Structure formats: C-alpha cells, structure tokens
Amino acid sequence: MKKFLFMGLEIITDELIQHLLKTPKRVENPKARKKTDSGNERVTYIVSDDEGNRFNLYLRQNYKPGMEDAFSCGLSYILPSGEAFTLVRYNGPSHDHPNKLEKERIGYVPHIHTSSRRYLDETGKADGFAKGTDRFRTQEGALACLLKDCNVTGLTANPDQPSLFI
C-alpha cells in the first residue's frame, strides 16, 4: 500500500487504520524515561515504519491508592499536521466502559479500544468502542498484547500468565 500523506482527520478511513496497525513498526527510543507527577507515571516511545509514518506508543499508570487497575497503553498515528490520532488503546479494568453507539456497557474488565471511522463520525471520538478481554490483567501484559497485535518491535514486555481461577 502506498504511503499516506494527509493533513487532518478527514483522511481517516477504516482501511487506513488497519494498514497502520498491520505495517511493521520499530521503537526508536526504547530507553525513554518514565515521568511521574500527581500519582501518575507516564512514558512515550517514538515509533516509525518503513513508509515514513510516525507513531507514539504511550504507557500511563495511575498510582493513587485504590487506582492500581487504572492503566492504559496505546498507539497513536502522528498525522502530517502533527495531530495525534489514537489507533488502539489497551485499558485496565478501573472503569465500566460504555460503547455509546451500541448502548451497552462492558463492565469493569480489561478492554481494548479500537478506532473506527463510524465512531469518529458519530461521536467525535474514534476510539470510543471497546471490547472486554482476558488477554491481560496488568499494564505490562497489555503492552505485550499491543506490541504483538500492532506489529511493533524494539521493545519487550512479558505477557500475563493465564489465570487458573477466573
């Protein structure tokens, strides 16, 4: 597929989203430092592909008491305008996520947000849809899934062990 050169969100299609997720990508700064402020820890990695596309792979962890399950990791595409567009986001079970268009809540479970043109058009939030998953329980497990699912190399993470007692 040819390189996509666009200006803004109007160019986002489901085909583009799938292409960007599948194309091989590599982390350029695997030793990026974590930053801590107000009970949150964050790190952002710079990612690129052979087509010249750039991405941010980010990790966020809330360390406030009782919020240990509040974590997220995601992959954003950097549009030529410099705007970041979230392609996918892997969240912990800290909240009962609503899928607004389907009028459903998925419960307090780890979940994966996937962006779509439909959600962008109808809600203004492309990554508003999520599905529950049992593939991870921790931030590192979520990162391992993201690296595999999004074809990202240059960073390592250990997958969570399957639970025997679900």
Protein backbone atom coordinates (compact mmCIF):
# COMPACT_ATOMS: atom_id res chain seq x y z
CA MET A 1 0.00 0.00 0.00
CA LYS A 2 1.30 3.47 -0.81
CA LYS A 3 2.39 5.96 1.82
CA PHE A 4 -0.48 8.08 3.13
CA LEU A 5 0.23 11.82 3.14
CA PHE A 6 -2.69 13.76 4.55
CA MET A 7 -3.49 16.85 6.50
CA GLY A 8 -6.12 16.01 9.13
CA LEU A 9 -8.74 13.65 10.46
CA GLU A 10 -10.82 13.83 7.28
CA ILE A 11 -8.42 11.31 5.74
CA ILE A 12 -9.01 8.65 8.38
CA THR A 13 -10.67 5.53 6.98
CA ASP A 14 -11.05 2.04 8.40
CA GLU A 15 -8.70 0.83 5.64
CA LEU A 16 -6.02 3.33 6.72
CA ILE A 17 -6.43 2.37 10.38
CA GLN A 18 -5.98 -1.33 9.57
CA HIS A 19 -2.99 -0.64 7.34
CA LEU A 20 -1.26 1.43 10.03
CA LEU A 21 -1.89 -1.26 12.64
CA LYS A 22 -0.55 -4.08 10.47
CA THR A 23 2.53 -2.43 8.98
CA PRO A 24 5.80 -3.40 10.74
CA LYS A 25 6.95 -0.69 13.15
CA ARG A 26 10.02 -0.17 15.33
CA VAL A 27 10.52 1.75 18.58
CA GLU A 28 13.23 4.37 18.07
CA ASN A 29 13.83 5.28 21.73
CA PRO A 30 13.47 2.07 23.80
CA LYS A 31 15.24 3.71 26.76
CA ALA A 32 12.75 6.56 27.07
CA ARG A 33 12.42 7.68 30.69
CA LYS A 34 9.28 7.46 32.75
CA LYS A 35 7.90 10.68 34.20
CA THR A 36 5.95 10.77 37.45
CA ASP A 37 3.57 13.52 38.56
CA SER A 38 0.47 13.69 40.77
CA GLY A 39 0.28 9.94 41.29
CA ASN A 40 0.68 9.11 37.60
CA GLU A 41 3.59 7.56 35.76
CA ARG A 42 3.95 8.09 32.01
CA VAL A 43 6.31 7.22 29.21
CA THR A 44 6.04 7.83 25.48
CA TYR A 45 8.03 5.95 22.86
CA ILE A 46 8.62 7.21 19.33
CA VAL A 47 7.77 4.60 16.69
CA SER A 48 8.17 4.61 12.91
CA ASP A 49 7.64 2.36 9.92
CA ASP A 50 9.46 1.95 6.60
CA GLU A 51 6.86 4.11 4.84
CA GLY A 52 7.86 7.17 6.86
CA ASN A 53 4.83 7.08 9.14
CA ARG A 54 5.40 8.13 12.75
CA PHE A 55 3.60 6.96 15.87
CA ASN A 56 3.60 7.42 19.64
CA LEU A 57 3.38 4.34 21.82
CA TYR A 58 2.37 5.51 25.28
CA LEU A 59 2.00 3.97 28.73
CA ARG A 60 0.06 5.58 31.59
CA GLN A 61 -0.29 4.20 35.13
CA ASN A 62 -2.26 5.75 38.00
CA TYR A 63 -0.60 5.08 41.37
CA LYS A 64 -3.16 6.79 43.59
CA PRO A 65 -4.46 4.48 46.34
CA GLY A 66 -7.22 2.25 45.02
CA MET A 67 -6.42 3.07 41.38
CA GLU A 68 -3.81 0.39 40.65
CA ASP A 69 -6.06 -1.04 37.89
CA ALA A 70 -6.15 2.36 36.17
CA PHE A 71 -3.61 1.87 33.41
CA SER A 72 -3.50 2.38 29.69
CA CYS A 73 -1.19 1.81 26.79
CA GLY A 74 -1.90 2.88 23.27
CA LEU A 75 -0.62 3.55 19.80
CA SER A 76 -1.26 6.88 18.10
CA TYR A 77 -0.58 7.79 14.48
CA ILE A 78 1.01 11.20 14.01
CA LEU A 79 -0.71 12.96 11.12
CA PRO A 80 1.42 15.24 8.91
CA SER A 81 -0.28 18.16 10.68
CA GLY A 82 1.31 16.93 13.92
CA GLU A 83 -2.04 15.87 15.39
CA ALA A 84 -2.05 12.51 17.20
CA PHE A 85 -4.79 10.05 16.27
CA THR A 86 -5.26 7.07 18.61
CA LEU A 87 -5.42 3.80 16.68
CA VAL A 88 -5.78 1.44 19.65
CA ARG A 89 -5.77 1.69 23.41
CA TYR A 90 -5.48 -1.13 25.97
CA ASN A 91 -7.04 -0.22 29.34
CA GLY A 92 -7.20 -1.79 32.75
CA PRO A 93 -10.46 -2.69 34.50
CA SER A 94 -10.73 0.52 36.54
CA HIS A 95 -13.97 1.68 34.90
CA ASP A 96 -17.16 0.38 33.29
CA HIS A 97 -16.62 1.45 29.70
CA PRO A 98 -19.71 2.46 27.69
CA ASN A 99 -19.98 1.73 23.97
CA LYS A 100 -22.29 4.65 23.24
CA LEU A 101 -23.48 3.70 19.76
CA GLU A 102 -24.34 0.16 20.82
CA LYS A 103 -25.88 1.48 24.06
CA GLU A 104 -24.00 -1.09 26.13
CA ARG A 105 -21.53 -1.15 28.99
CA ILE A 106 -18.80 -3.77 29.05
CA GLY A 107 -18.24 -3.84 32.81
CA TYR A 108 -15.12 -3.49 34.94
CA VAL A 109 -12.85 -5.65 32.80
CA PRO A 110 -9.62 -5.07 30.91
CA HIS A 111 -10.58 -3.86 27.45
CA ILE A 112 -9.18 -2.87 24.08
CA HIS A 113 -10.34 0.26 22.29
CA THR A 114 -10.20 0.20 18.50
CA SER A 115 -10.69 3.26 16.34
CA SER A 116 -13.17 3.41 13.50
CA ARG A 117 -14.47 5.98 11.06
CA ARG A 118 -18.01 5.29 12.29
CA TYR A 119 -17.18 6.27 15.87
CA LEU A 120 -15.20 9.29 14.66
CA ASP A 121 -18.16 10.49 12.58
CA GLU A 122 -20.94 9.74 15.06
CA THR A 123 -19.31 10.55 18.41
CA GLY A 124 -16.22 12.59 17.59
CA LYS A 125 -14.12 10.01 19.44
CA ALA A 126 -12.71 7.43 17.03
CA ASP A 127 -11.51 5.09 19.81
CA GLY A 128 -14.81 5.15 21.71
CA PHE A 129 -15.61 1.48 21.04
CA ALA A 130 -14.02 -1.21 23.22
CA LYS A 131 -14.27 -4.95 23.77
CA GLY A 132 -13.55 -6.73 27.03
CA THR A 133 -10.62 -9.13 27.04
CA ASP A 134 -8.95 -11.74 29.23
CA ARG A 135 -5.63 -11.45 27.37
CA PHE A 136 -4.07 -9.16 30.00
CA ARG A 137 -4.53 -8.06 33.60
CA THR A 138 -1.53 -5.76 34.05
CA GLN A 139 -0.01 -2.86 32.17
CA GLU A 140 2.95 -4.99 31.10
CA GLY A 141 0.57 -7.68 29.86
CA ALA A 142 -1.37 -5.03 27.94
CA LEU A 143 1.86 -3.74 26.41
CA ALA A 144 2.85 -7.27 25.35
CA CYS A 145 -0.51 -7.63 23.58
CA LEU A 146 -0.17 -4.24 21.89
CA LEU A 147 3.35 -5.00 20.63
CA LYS A 148 2.16 -8.28 19.12
CA ASP A 149 -1.18 -7.01 17.77
CA CYS A 150 0.31 -3.87 16.20
CA ASN A 151 3.48 -5.44 14.79
CA VAL A 152 5.88 -3.33 16.89
CA THR A 153 9.47 -4.36 17.59
CA GLY A 154 12.32 -2.76 19.53
CA LEU A 155 10.66 -3.02 22.94
CA THR A 156 9.90 -6.06 25.09
CA ALA A 157 7.17 -6.87 27.58
CA ASN A 158 6.14 -10.07 29.31
CA PRO A 159 2.62 -11.34 28.65
CA ASP A 160 0.43 -12.05 31.66
CA GLN A 161 0.12 -15.69 32.62
CA PRO A 162 -3.37 -17.13 32.07
CA SER A 163 -5.37 -17.21 35.27
CA LEU A 164 -6.39 -20.64 36.53
CA PHE A 165 -9.06 -19.10 38.75
CA ILE A 166 -11.33 -16.84 36.72
